[in-house]
């Protein structure tokens, strides 16, 4: 008996799969655990949310499922054109404002700091990477509480600095004109480090020969950045832009901790509306409808951004 045959016989005796079976095993068997996790924690909740959105599932249905009724699209009509319509559209406008202003600003700041770290003139790059990335790993609730004190009108560090410079104190979180910009500033500071690391990887993957060729052709540093760096970072911009936009559509912790959606609902977001519908008023069916609408809006925005960036790169 050959060695391979003896090994196969021994494997069968101890209940192990044969070498031939292992060689023919489809690749998806190896990703089955990951697919199971995705199915249980992502796909199943998504299907459940879609199912709940067409019911009147509330606190009474939690006690007895027989109290749950199928209501069709009544939840969607209620939030889009019914009694909750004004609050929904205000929350949607605030969320879009946060995404359209905070998203590009966060990407620009991330790229700027990545270029700073990649510059040959910058020293102590390792320490600076740690400092710039530190806000990403801090707890968002703790950061929001800290910034709320920084924004305090009477004793906040920011207003104290403004007064020292001879400027007027600003009610950052109490003035509807300043509340959302204040939250955007916090979000940019909190999140730019993650995208900065991704941009660093993209910058380091650009061949140095491209810059050398551009320099030989007499291109200035600005032209090298515009005609070499930016085009080469196209795939990185696509990834960073889409992921940042998706994350910013889920605005919740900052307004919940700092303003509770105020003042005058100027920081009220769709996720905050979903939370209050579901866990303050226990209208889980209506909350699920808000979640479905938010998913559709986010998906459409992501697809539009992908299409635009691919067309620009073509």
C-alpha atoms as a PDB file:
ATOM      1  CA  UNK A   1       0.000   0.000   0.000  1.00  0.00           C
ATOM      2  CA  UNK A   2       1.365   3.425  -0.945  1.00  0.00           C
ATOM      3  CA  UNK A   3       1.844   6.227   1.552  1.00  0.00           C
ATOM      4  CA  UNK A   4      -1.003   8.316   0.052  1.00  0.00           C
ATOM      5  CA  UNK A   5      -3.386   5.366   0.124  1.00  0.00           C
ATOM      6  CA  UNK A   6      -2.457   4.580   3.729  1.00  0.00           C
ATOM      7  CA  UNK A   7      -3.046   8.229   4.633  1.00  0.00           C
ATOM      8  CA  UNK A   8      -6.485   8.155   3.014  1.00  0.00           C
ATOM      9  CA  UNK A   9      -7.398   4.936   4.877  1.00  0.00           C
ATOM     10  CA  UNK A  10      -6.222   6.434   8.180  1.00  0.00           C
ATOM     11  CA  UNK A  11      -8.222   9.598   7.518  1.00  0.00           C
ATOM     12  CA  UNK A  12     -11.380   7.547   6.903  1.00  0.00           C
ATOM     13  CA  UNK A  13     -10.825   5.588  10.119  1.00  0.00           C
ATOM     14  CA  UNK A  14     -10.646   8.738  12.263  1.00  0.00           C
ATOM     15  CA  UNK A  15     -13.529  10.418  10.466  1.00  0.00           C
ATOM     16  CA  UNK A  16     -11.487  13.036   8.560  1.00  0.00           C
ATOM     17  CA  UNK A  17     -12.311  14.024   4.966  1.00  0.00           C
ATOM     18  CA  UNK A  18     -10.158  12.383   2.335  1.00  0.00           C
ATOM     19  CA  UNK A  19      -7.458  14.295   0.514  1.00  0.00           C
ATOM     20  CA  UNK A  20      -9.436  14.067  -2.711  1.00  0.00           C
ATOM     21  CA  UNK A  21     -12.551  15.528  -1.072  1.00  0.00           C
ATOM     22  CA  UNK A  22     -10.509  18.393   0.349  1.00  0.00           C
ATOM     23  CA  UNK A  23      -9.111  19.136  -3.088  1.00  0.00           C
ATOM     24  CA  UNK A  24     -12.610  19.271  -4.597  1.00  0.00           C
ATOM     25  CA  UNK A  25     -14.191  21.310  -1.786  1.00  0.00           C
ATOM     26  CA  UNK A  26     -15.800  24.464  -3.253  1.00  0.00           C
ATOM     27  CA  UNK A  27     -14.377  27.759  -2.085  1.00  0.00           C
ATOM     28  CA  UNK A  28     -17.622  28.957  -0.613  1.00  0.00           C
ATOM     29  CA  UNK A  29     -17.347  26.392   2.179  1.00  0.00           C
ATOM     30  CA  UNK A  30     -14.465  28.406   3.562  1.00  0.00           C
ATOM     31  CA  UNK A  31     -16.474  31.643   3.655  1.00  0.00           C
ATOM     32  CA  UNK A  32     -19.582  29.972   5.058  1.00  0.00           C
ATOM     33  CA  UNK A  33     -18.927  31.163   8.667  1.00  0.00           C
ATOM     34  CA  UNK A  34     -18.611  34.766   7.482  1.00  0.00           C
ATOM     35  CA  UNK A  35     -21.733  34.429   5.351  1.00  0.00           C
ATOM     36  CA  UNK A  36     -23.608  33.024   8.345  1.00  0.00           C
ATOM     37  CA  UNK A  37     -22.607  36.032  10.472  1.00  0.00           C
ATOM     38  CA  UNK A  38     -23.674  38.440   7.707  1.00  0.00           C
ATOM     39  CA  UNK A  39     -26.970  36.603   7.310  1.00  0.00           C
ATOM     40  CA  UNK A  40     -27.795  36.588  11.018  1.00  0.00           C
ATOM     41  CA  UNK A  41     -26.676  40.103  11.919  1.00  0.00           C
ATOM     42  CA  UNK A  42     -27.322  42.000   8.664  1.00  0.00           C
ATOM     43  CA  UNK A  43     -29.650  40.285   6.208  1.00  0.00           C
ATOM     44  CA  UNK A  44     -32.099  38.901   8.761  1.00  0.00           C
ATOM     45  CA  UNK A  45     -32.561  42.271  10.542  1.00  0.00           C
ATOM     46  CA  UNK A  46     -32.993  43.973   7.167  1.00  0.00           C
ATOM     47  CA  UNK A  47     -35.734  41.533   6.153  1.00  0.00           C
ATOM     48  CA  UNK A  48     -37.368  41.896   9.581  1.00  0.00           C
ATOM     49  CA  UNK A  49     -37.295  45.697   9.263  1.00  0.00           C
ATOM     50  CA  UNK A  50     -38.955  45.516   5.853  1.00  0.00           C
ATOM     51  CA  UNK A  51     -41.616  43.194   7.246  1.00  0.00           C
ATOM     52  CA  UNK A  52     -42.280  45.378  10.305  1.00  0.00           C
ATOM     53  CA  UNK A  53     -42.595  48.509   8.156  1.00  0.00           C
ATOM     54  CA  UNK A  54     -45.954  47.289   6.801  1.00  0.00           C
ATOM     55  CA  UNK A  55     -47.392  46.506  10.258  1.00  0.00           C
ATOM     56  CA  UNK A  56     -48.505  48.515  13.282  1.00  0.00           C
ATOM     57  CA  UNK A  57     -46.043  46.691  15.532  1.00  0.00           C
ATOM     58  CA  UNK A  58     -45.923  48.581  18.843  1.00  0.00           C
ATOM     59  CA  UNK A  59     -45.585  47.997  22.585  1.00  0.00           C
ATOM     60  CA  UNK A  60     -48.841  46.040  22.643  1.00  0.00           C
ATOM     61  CA  UNK A  61     -47.572  43.688  19.954  1.00  0.00           C
ATOM     62  CA  UNK A  62     -44.433  43.151  22.037  1.00  0.00           C
ATOM     63  CA  UNK A  63     -46.647  41.713  24.761  1.00  0.00           C
ATOM     64  CA  UNK A  64     -48.834  39.716  22.383  1.00  0.00           C
ATOM     65  CA  UNK A  65     -48.151  39.278  18.657  1.00  0.00           C
ATOM     66  CA  UNK A  66     -51.890  38.951  18.060  1.00  0.00           C
ATOM     67  CA  UNK A  67     -52.127  42.707  18.577  1.00  0.00           C
ATOM     68  CA  UNK A  68     -50.016  43.289  15.460  1.00  0.00           C
ATOM     69  CA  UNK A  69     -51.917  44.129  12.276  1.00  0.00           C
ATOM     70  CA  UNK A  70     -50.927  44.447   8.646  1.00  0.00           C
ATOM     71  CA  UNK A  71     -51.366  48.089   7.609  1.00  0.00           C
ATOM     72  CA  UNK A  72     -49.678  48.104   4.204  1.00  0.00           C
ATOM     73  CA  UNK A  73     -48.169  51.467   3.312  1.00  0.00           C
ATOM     74  CA  UNK A  74     -49.916  53.435   6.060  1.00  0.00           C
ATOM     75  CA  UNK A  75     -46.648  53.955   7.943  1.00  0.00           C
ATOM     76  CA  UNK A  76     -44.993  55.366   4.840  1.00  0.00           C
ATOM     77  CA  UNK A  77     -47.962  57.661   4.141  1.00  0.00           C
ATOM     78  CA  UNK A  78     -47.872  58.842   7.749  1.00  0.00           C
ATOM     79  CA  UNK A  79     -44.214  59.892   7.670  1.00  0.00           C
ATOM     80  CA  UNK A  80     -44.155  61.171   4.095  1.00  0.00           C
ATOM     81  CA  UNK A  81     -47.488  62.988   3.848  1.00  0.00           C
ATOM     82  CA  UNK A  82     -49.292  62.543   7.158  1.00  0.00           C
ATOM     83  CA  UNK A  83     -48.996  63.815  10.704  1.00  0.00           C
ATOM     84  CA  UNK A  84     -45.233  63.172  10.843  1.00  0.00           C
ATOM     85  CA  UNK A  85     -44.480  64.632   7.407  1.00  0.00           C
ATOM     86  CA  UNK A  86     -43.184  68.029   8.579  1.00  0.00           C
ATOM     87  CA  UNK A  87     -40.791  66.455  11.071  1.00  0.00           C
ATOM     88  CA  UNK A  88     -39.656  63.849   8.542  1.00  0.00           C
ATOM     89  CA  UNK A  89     -38.861  66.370   5.817  1.00  0.00           C
ATOM     90  CA  UNK A  90     -37.075  68.594   8.338  1.00  0.00           C
ATOM     91  CA  UNK A  91     -35.001  65.616   9.472  1.00  0.00           C
ATOM     92  CA  UNK A  92     -34.254  64.687   5.858  1.00  0.00           C
ATOM     93  CA  UNK A  93     -33.151  68.237   5.042  1.00  0.00           C
ATOM     94  CA  UNK A  94     -30.896  68.338   8.104  1.00  0.00           C
ATOM     95  CA  UNK A  95     -29.381  64.961   7.265  1.00  0.00           C
ATOM     96  CA  UNK A  96     -28.726  65.932   3.655  1.00  0.00           C
ATOM     97  CA  UNK A  97     -27.150  69.200   4.831  1.00  0.00           C
ATOM     98  CA  UNK A  98     -24.886  67.253   7.151  1.00  0.00           C
ATOM     99  CA  UNK A  99     -23.922  64.818   4.371  1.00  0.00           C
ATOM    100  CA  UNK A 100     -23.409  67.397   1.615  1.00  0.00           C
ATOM    101  CA  UNK A 101     -21.308  69.754   3.762  1.00  0.00           C
ATOM    102  CA  UNK A 102     -19.665  67.413   6.264  1.00  0.00           C
ATOM    103  CA  UNK A 103     -18.866  64.612   3.812  1.00  0.00           C
ATOM    104  CA  UNK A 104     -16.771  66.575   1.285  1.00  0.00           C
ATOM    105  CA  UNK A 105     -15.182  68.577   4.107  1.00  0.00           C
ATOM    106  CA  UNK A 106     -14.160  65.387   5.900  1.00  0.00           C
ATOM    107  CA  UNK A 107     -12.693  63.929   2.695  1.00  0.00           C
ATOM    108  CA  UNK A 108     -10.767  67.145   1.965  1.00  0.00           C
ATOM    109  CA  UNK A 109      -9.340  67.321   5.491  1.00  0.00           C
ATOM    110  CA  UNK A 110      -8.371  63.651   5.327  1.00  0.00           C
ATOM    111  CA  UNK A 111      -6.555  64.166   2.042  1.00  0.00           C
ATOM    112  CA  UNK A 112      -4.814  67.271   3.357  1.00  0.00           C
ATOM    113  CA  UNK A 113      -3.428  65.521   6.416  1.00  0.00           C
ATOM    114  CA  UNK A 114      -2.437  62.499   4.319  1.00  0.00           C
ATOM    115  CA  UNK A 115      -0.451  64.783   2.015  1.00  0.00           C
ATOM    116  CA  UNK A 116       1.107  66.400   5.079  1.00  0.00           C
ATOM    117  CA  UNK A 117       2.238  63.042   6.440  1.00  0.00           C
ATOM    118  CA  UNK A 118       3.506  61.939   3.043  1.00  0.00           C
ATOM    119  CA  UNK A 119       5.564  65.106   2.597  1.00  0.00           C
ATOM    120  CA  UNK A 120       9.318  64.716   2.840  1.00  0.00           C
ATOM    121  CA  UNK A 121       9.480  67.852   4.988  1.00  0.00           C
ATOM    122  CA  UNK A 122       7.332  66.370   7.770  1.00  0.00           C
ATOM    123  CA  UNK A 123       9.160  64.884  10.749  1.00  0.00           C
ATOM    124  CA  UNK A 124       7.964  62.473  13.453  1.00  0.00           C
ATOM    125  CA  UNK A 125       5.464  60.958  11.054  1.00  0.00           C
ATOM    126  CA  UNK A 126       4.777  57.969  13.292  1.00  0.00           C
ATOM    127  CA  UNK A 127       3.793  60.167  16.230  1.00  0.00           C
ATOM    128  CA  UNK A 128       1.647  62.386  14.031  1.00  0.00           C
ATOM    129  CA  UNK A 129      -0.181  59.358  12.629  1.00  0.00           C
ATOM    130  CA  UNK A 130      -1.066  58.274  16.149  1.00  0.00           C
ATOM    131  CA  UNK A 131      -2.216  61.784  17.104  1.00  0.00           C
ATOM    132  CA  UNK A 132      -4.356  62.233  13.993  1.00  0.00           C
ATOM    133  CA  UNK A 133      -5.880  58.757  14.233  1.00  0.00           C
ATOM    134  CA  UNK A 134      -6.610  58.924  17.976  1.00  0.00           C
ATOM    135  CA  UNK A 135     -10.061  60.593  17.603  1.00  0.00           C
ATOM    136  CA  UNK A 136     -11.259  57.657  15.490  1.00  0.00           C
ATOM    137  CA  UNK A 137     -10.844  55.146  18.314  1.00  0.00           C
ATOM    138  CA  UNK A 138     -12.332  57.350  21.030  1.00  0.00           C
ATOM    139  CA  UNK A 139     -15.912  56.782  22.188  1.00  0.00           C
ATOM    140  CA  UNK A 140     -18.312  58.985  20.255  1.00  0.00           C
ATOM    141  CA  UNK A 141     -20.568  59.634  23.248  1.00  0.00           C
ATOM    142  CA  UNK A 142     -17.645  60.726  25.411  1.00  0.00           C
ATOM    143  CA  UNK A 143     -16.322  62.939  22.614  1.00  0.00           C
ATOM    144  CA  UNK A 144     -19.762  64.504  22.119  1.00  0.00           C
ATOM    145  CA  UNK A 145     -20.049  65.308  25.827  1.00  0.00           C
ATOM    146  CA  UNK A 146     -16.567  66.855  25.820  1.00  0.00           C
ATOM    147  CA  UNK A 147     -17.327  69.002  22.781  1.00  0.00           C
ATOM    148  CA  UNK A 148     -20.624  70.061  24.305  1.00  0.00           C
ATOM    149  CA  UNK A 149     -18.637  71.610  27.153  1.00  0.00           C
ATOM    150  CA  UNK A 150     -16.196  73.150  24.689  1.00  0.00           C
ATOM    151  CA  UNK A 151     -19.151  74.760  22.902  1.00  0.00           C
ATOM    152  CA  UNK A 152     -20.713  76.057  26.136  1.00  0.00           C
ATOM    153  CA  UNK A 153     -21.759  79.672  25.690  1.00  0.00           C
ATOM    154  CA  UNK A 154     -20.650  80.959  29.076  1.00  0.00           C
ATOM    155  CA  UNK A 155     -17.729  78.776  30.111  1.00  0.00           C
ATOM    156  CA  UNK A 156     -16.700  76.956  26.961  1.00  0.00           C
ATOM    157  CA  UNK A 157     -13.051  77.013  25.912  1.00  0.00           C
ATOM    158  CA  UNK A 158     -13.926  78.083  22.364  1.00  0.00           C
ATOM    159  CA  UNK A 159     -15.942  81.110  23.476  1.00  0.00           C
ATOM    160  CA  UNK A 160     -13.274  82.034  26.025  1.00  0.00           C
ATOM    161  CA  UNK A 161     -10.735  82.061  23.204  1.00  0.00           C
ATOM    162  CA  UNK A 162     -13.051  84.205  21.056  1.00  0.00           C
ATOM    163  CA  UNK A 163     -13.522  86.670  23.901  1.00  0.00           C
ATOM    164  CA  UNK A 164      -9.749  86.854  24.398  1.00  0.00           C
ATOM    165  CA  UNK A 165      -9.431  87.814  20.739  1.00  0.00           C
ATOM    166  CA  UNK A 166     -12.051  90.531  21.203  1.00  0.00           C
ATOM    167  CA  UNK A 167     -14.827  88.651  19.404  1.00  0.00           C
ATOM    168  CA  UNK A 168     -18.412  88.067  20.504  1.00  0.00           C
ATOM    169  CA  UNK A 169     -19.393  84.829  22.221  1.00  0.00           C
ATOM    170  CA  UNK A 170     -21.486  82.471  20.088  1.00  0.00           C
ATOM    171  CA  UNK A 171     -24.250  80.208  21.309  1.00  0.00           C
ATOM    172  CA  UNK A 172     -22.934  77.288  19.276  1.00  0.00           C
ATOM    173  CA  UNK A 173     -25.527  74.690  20.227  1.00  0.00           C
ATOM    174  CA  UNK A 174     -28.383  77.048  21.117  1.00  0.00           C
ATOM    175  CA  UNK A 175     -28.533  79.011  17.858  1.00  0.00           C
ATOM    176  CA  UNK A 176     -30.177  77.236  14.879  1.00  0.00           C
ATOM    177  CA  UNK A 177     -27.687  78.911  12.543  1.00  0.00           C
ATOM    178  CA  UNK A 178     -24.673  77.451  14.346  1.00  0.00           C
ATOM    179  CA  UNK A 179     -25.896  74.139  15.767  1.00  0.00           C
ATOM    180  CA  UNK A 180     -25.463  71.972  12.661  1.00  0.00           C
ATOM    181  CA  UNK A 181     -22.113  73.546  11.636  1.00  0.00           C
ATOM    182  CA  UNK A 182     -20.899  72.829  15.172  1.00  0.00           C
ATOM    183  CA  UNK A 183     -21.879  69.181  14.848  1.00  0.00           C
ATOM    184  CA  UNK A 184     -20.237  69.005  11.419  1.00  0.00           C
ATOM    185  CA  UNK A 185     -16.990  70.344  12.885  1.00  0.00           C
ATOM    186  CA  UNK A 186     -17.089  67.658  15.577  1.00  0.00           C
ATOM    187  CA  UNK A 187     -17.821  64.909  13.035  1.00  0.00           C
ATOM    188  CA  UNK A 188     -14.961  65.979  10.757  1.00  0.00           C
ATOM    189  CA  UNK A 189     -12.506  66.038  13.675  1.00  0.00           C
ATOM    190  CA  UNK A 190     -13.743  62.649  14.881  1.00  0.00           C
ATOM    191  CA  UNK A 191     -13.638  60.816  11.552  1.00  0.00           C
ATOM    192  CA  UNK A 192     -10.929  62.293   9.332  1.00  0.00           C
ATOM    193  CA  UNK A 193      -8.192  60.011  10.702  1.00  0.00           C
ATOM    194  CA  UNK A 194      -9.727  56.853   9.255  1.00  0.00           C
ATOM    195  CA  UNK A 195      -9.891  58.212   5.723  1.00  0.00           C
ATOM    196  CA  UNK A 196      -6.450  59.753   6.193  1.00  0.00           C
ATOM    197  CA  UNK A 197      -4.960  56.273   6.598  1.00  0.00           C
ATOM    198  CA  UNK A 198      -6.714  55.102   3.430  1.00  0.00           C
ATOM    199  CA  UNK A 199      -5.425  58.103   1.491  1.00  0.00           C
ATOM    200  CA  UNK A 200      -1.931  57.412   2.810  1.00  0.00           C
ATOM    201  CA  UNK A 201      -2.117  53.901   1.382  1.00  0.00           C
ATOM    202  CA  UNK A 202      -3.318  55.326  -1.929  1.00  0.00           C
ATOM    203  CA  UNK A 203      -0.534  57.914  -2.054  1.00  0.00           C
ATOM    204  CA  UNK A 204       2.120  55.321  -1.298  1.00  0.00           C
ATOM    205  CA  UNK A 205       0.864  53.115  -4.146  1.00  0.00           C
ATOM    206  CA  UNK A 206       1.454  55.810  -6.799  1.00  0.00           C
ATOM    207  CA  UNK A 207       4.637  54.994  -8.745  1.00  0.00           C
ATOM    208  CA  UNK A 208       7.403  57.533  -8.191  1.00  0.00           C
ATOM    209  CA  UNK A 209       8.257  57.392 -11.909  1.00  0.00           C
ATOM    210  CA  UNK A 210       5.099  59.378 -12.676  1.00  0.00           C
ATOM    211  CA  UNK A 211       6.262  62.283 -10.535  1.00  0.00           C
ATOM    212  CA  UNK A 212       9.767  62.099 -11.990  1.00  0.00           C
ATOM    213  CA  UNK A 213       8.414  62.198 -15.540  1.00  0.00           C
ATOM    214  CA  UNK A 214       6.160  65.139 -14.710  1.00  0.00           C
ATOM    215  CA  UNK A 215       9.056  67.001 -13.078  1.00  0.00           C
ATOM    216  CA  UNK A 216      11.242  66.420 -16.159  1.00  0.00           C
ATOM    217  CA  UNK A 217       8.468  67.911 -18.274  1.00  0.00           C
ATOM    218  CA  UNK A 218       8.604  71.051 -16.147  1.00  0.00           C
ATOM    219  CA  UNK A 219       5.385  70.490 -14.195  1.00  0.00           C
ATOM    220  CA  UNK A 220       5.058  72.550 -11.029  1.00  0.00           C
ATOM    221  CA  UNK A 221       4.161  70.882  -7.700  1.00  0.00           C
ATOM    222  CA  UNK A 222       0.549  72.031  -8.134  1.00  0.00           C
ATOM    223  CA  UNK A 223       0.342  70.541 -11.648  1.00  0.00           C
ATOM    224  CA  UNK A 224       1.880  67.299 -10.421  1.00  0.00           C
ATOM    225  CA  UNK A 225      -0.764  67.154  -7.715  1.00  0.00           C
ATOM    226  CA  UNK A 226      -3.589  67.992 -10.131  1.00  0.00           C
ATOM    227  CA  UNK A 227      -2.531  65.792 -13.058  1.00  0.00           C
ATOM    228  CA  UNK A 228      -0.791  62.900 -11.274  1.00  0.00           C
ATOM    229  CA  UNK A 229      -1.925  62.576  -7.667  1.00  0.00           C
ATOM    230  CA  UNK A 230      -5.645  63.206  -8.049  1.00  0.00           C
ATOM    231  CA  UNK A 231      -6.193  60.919 -11.069  1.00  0.00           C
ATOM    232  CA  UNK A 232      -4.180  58.138  -9.442  1.00  0.00           C
ATOM    233  CA  UNK A 233      -6.321  58.434  -6.302  1.00  0.00           C
ATOM    234  CA  UNK A 234      -9.545  57.932  -8.258  1.00  0.00           C
ATOM    235  CA  UNK A 235     -10.399  54.491  -6.788  1.00  0.00           C
ATOM    236  CA  UNK A 236      -9.463  55.729  -3.315  1.00  0.00           C
ATOM    237  CA  UNK A 237     -11.753  58.739  -3.685  1.00  0.00           C
ATOM    238  CA  UNK A 238     -14.569  56.427  -4.750  1.00  0.00           C
ATOM    239  CA  UNK A 239     -14.198  54.191  -1.712  1.00  0.00           C
ATOM    240  CA  UNK A 240     -13.701  57.030   0.763  1.00  0.00           C
ATOM    241  CA  UNK A 241     -16.538  59.087  -0.692  1.00  0.00           C
ATOM    242  CA  UNK A 242     -19.107  56.287  -0.640  1.00  0.00           C
ATOM    243  CA  UNK A 243     -18.234  54.999   2.825  1.00  0.00           C
ATOM    244  CA  UNK A 244     -18.148  58.511   4.284  1.00  0.00           C
ATOM    245  CA  UNK A 245     -21.508  59.363   2.765  1.00  0.00           C
ATOM    246  CA  UNK A 246     -23.099  56.172   4.085  1.00  0.00           C
ATOM    247  CA  UNK A 247     -21.713  56.822   7.554  1.00  0.00           C
ATOM    248  CA  UNK A 248     -22.857  60.457   7.575  1.00  0.00           C
ATOM    249  CA  UNK A 249     -26.397  59.486   6.579  1.00  0.00           C
ATOM    250  CA  UNK A 250     -26.510  57.607   9.879  1.00  0.00           C
ATOM    251  CA  UNK A 251     -26.119  60.778  11.958  1.00  0.00           C
ATOM    252  CA  UNK A 252     -27.438  60.046  15.442  1.00  0.00           C
ATOM    253  CA  UNK A 253     -25.103  60.148  18.455  1.00  0.00           C
ATOM    254  CA  UNK A 254     -23.921  63.743  18.024  1.00  0.00           C
ATOM    255  CA  UNK A 255     -27.365  65.425  17.963  1.00  0.00           C
ATOM    256  CA  UNK A 256     -28.769  62.955  20.482  1.00  0.00           C
ATOM    257  CA  UNK A 257     -26.089  63.724  23.059  1.00  0.00           C
ATOM    258  CA  UNK A 258     -25.433  67.388  22.317  1.00  0.00           C
ATOM    259  CA  UNK A 259     -28.744  68.952  21.250  1.00  0.00           C
ATOM    260  CA  UNK A 260     -31.530  66.337  21.343  1.00  0.00           C
ATOM    261  CA  UNK A 261     -32.348  67.467  17.826  1.00  0.00           C
ATOM    262  CA  UNK A 262     -32.686  71.152  18.716  1.00  0.00           C
ATOM    263  CA  UNK A 263     -32.726  74.024  18.686  1.00  0.00           C
ATOM    264  CA  UNK A 264     -35.962  74.287  16.687  1.00  0.00           C
ATOM    265  CA  UNK A 265     -35.261  70.835  15.188  1.00  0.00           C
ATOM    266  CA  UNK A 266     -32.247  72.274  13.356  1.00  0.00           C
ATOM    267  CA  UNK A 267     -30.149  69.168  14.135  1.00  0.00           C
ATOM    268  CA  UNK A 268     -32.927  66.591  14.021  1.00  0.00           C
ATOM    269  CA  UNK A 269     -31.782  63.661  11.841  1.00  0.00           C
ATOM    270  CA  UNK A 270     -33.539  60.724  10.212  1.00  0.00           C
ATOM    271  CA  UNK A 271     -31.906  58.205  12.524  1.00  0.00           C
ATOM    272  CA  UNK A 272     -32.916  60.300  15.540  1.00  0.00           C
ATOM    273  CA  UNK A 273     -36.479  60.313  14.205  1.00  0.00           C
ATOM    274  CA  UNK A 274     -36.300  56.553  13.754  1.00  0.00           C
ATOM    275  CA  UNK A 275     -35.000  56.124  17.300  1.00  0.00           C
ATOM    276  CA  UNK A 276     -37.709  58.256  18.866  1.00  0.00           C
ATOM    277  CA  UNK A 277     -40.472  56.590  16.860  1.00  0.00           C
ATOM    278  CA  UNK A 278     -39.253  53.156  17.900  1.00  0.00           C
ATOM    279  CA  UNK A 279     -37.935  53.548  21.427  1.00  0.00           C
ATOM    280  CA  UNK A 280     -39.634  56.661  22.761  1.00  0.00           C
ATOM    281  CA  UNK A 281     -43.128  56.216  21.382  1.00  0.00           C
ATOM    282  CA  UNK A 282     -42.800  52.445  20.726  1.00  0.00           C
ATOM    283  CA  UNK A 283     -44.154  52.741  17.201  1.00  0.00           C
ATOM    284  CA  UNK A 284     -41.752  50.142  15.834  1.00  0.00           C
ATOM    285  CA  UNK A 285     -43.647  49.781  12.572  1.00  0.00           C
ATOM    286  CA  UNK A 286     -43.273  53.503  11.846  1.00  0.00           C
ATOM    287  CA  UNK A 287     -39.618  53.391  12.902  1.00  0.00           C
ATOM    288  CA  UNK A 288     -39.036  50.533  10.471  1.00  0.00           C
ATOM    289  CA  UNK A 289     -40.661  52.575   7.712  1.00  0.00           C
ATOM    290  CA  UNK A 290     -38.218  55.421   8.394  1.00  0.00           C
ATOM    291  CA  UNK A 291     -35.361  52.905   8.250  1.00  0.00           C
ATOM    292  CA  UNK A 292     -36.552  51.584   4.875  1.00  0.00           C
ATOM    293  CA  UNK A 293     -36.828  55.109   3.442  1.00  0.00           C
ATOM    294  CA  UNK A 294     -33.351  55.950   4.742  1.00  0.00           C
ATOM    295  CA  UNK A 295     -31.968  52.773   3.165  1.00  0.00           C
ATOM    296  CA  UNK A 296     -33.495  53.649  -0.214  1.00  0.00           C
ATOM    297  CA  UNK A 297     -32.138  57.213  -0.059  1.00  0.00           C
ATOM    298  CA  UNK A 298     -28.665  56.034   0.957  1.00  0.00           C
ATOM    299  CA  UNK A 299     -28.599  53.353  -1.742  1.00  0.00           C
ATOM    300  CA  UNK A 300     -29.693  55.819  -4.423  1.00  0.00           C
ATOM    301  CA  UNK A 301     -27.112  58.386  -3.313  1.00  0.00           C
ATOM    302  CA  UNK A 302     -24.337  55.775  -3.250  1.00  0.00           C
ATOM    303  CA  UNK A 303     -25.213  54.504  -6.733  1.00  0.00           C
ATOM    304  CA  UNK A 304     -25.344  58.074  -8.059  1.00  0.00           C
ATOM    305  CA  UNK A 305     -21.948  58.878  -6.560  1.00  0.00           C
ATOM    306  CA  UNK A 306     -20.419  55.714  -8.015  1.00  0.00           C
ATOM    307  CA  UNK A 307     -21.850  56.519 -11.447  1.00  0.00           C
ATOM    308  CA  UNK A 308     -20.616  60.117 -11.377  1.00  0.00           C
ATOM    309  CA  UNK A 309     -17.090  59.216 -10.252  1.00  0.00           C
ATOM    310  CA  UNK A 310     -16.805  56.401 -12.798  1.00  0.00           C
ATOM    311  CA  UNK A 311     -17.935  58.730 -15.564  1.00  0.00           C
ATOM    312  CA  UNK A 312     -15.419  61.348 -14.437  1.00  0.00           C
ATOM    313  CA  UNK A 313     -12.637  58.729 -14.427  1.00  0.00           C
ATOM    314  CA  UNK A 314     -13.549  57.455 -17.905  1.00  0.00           C
END
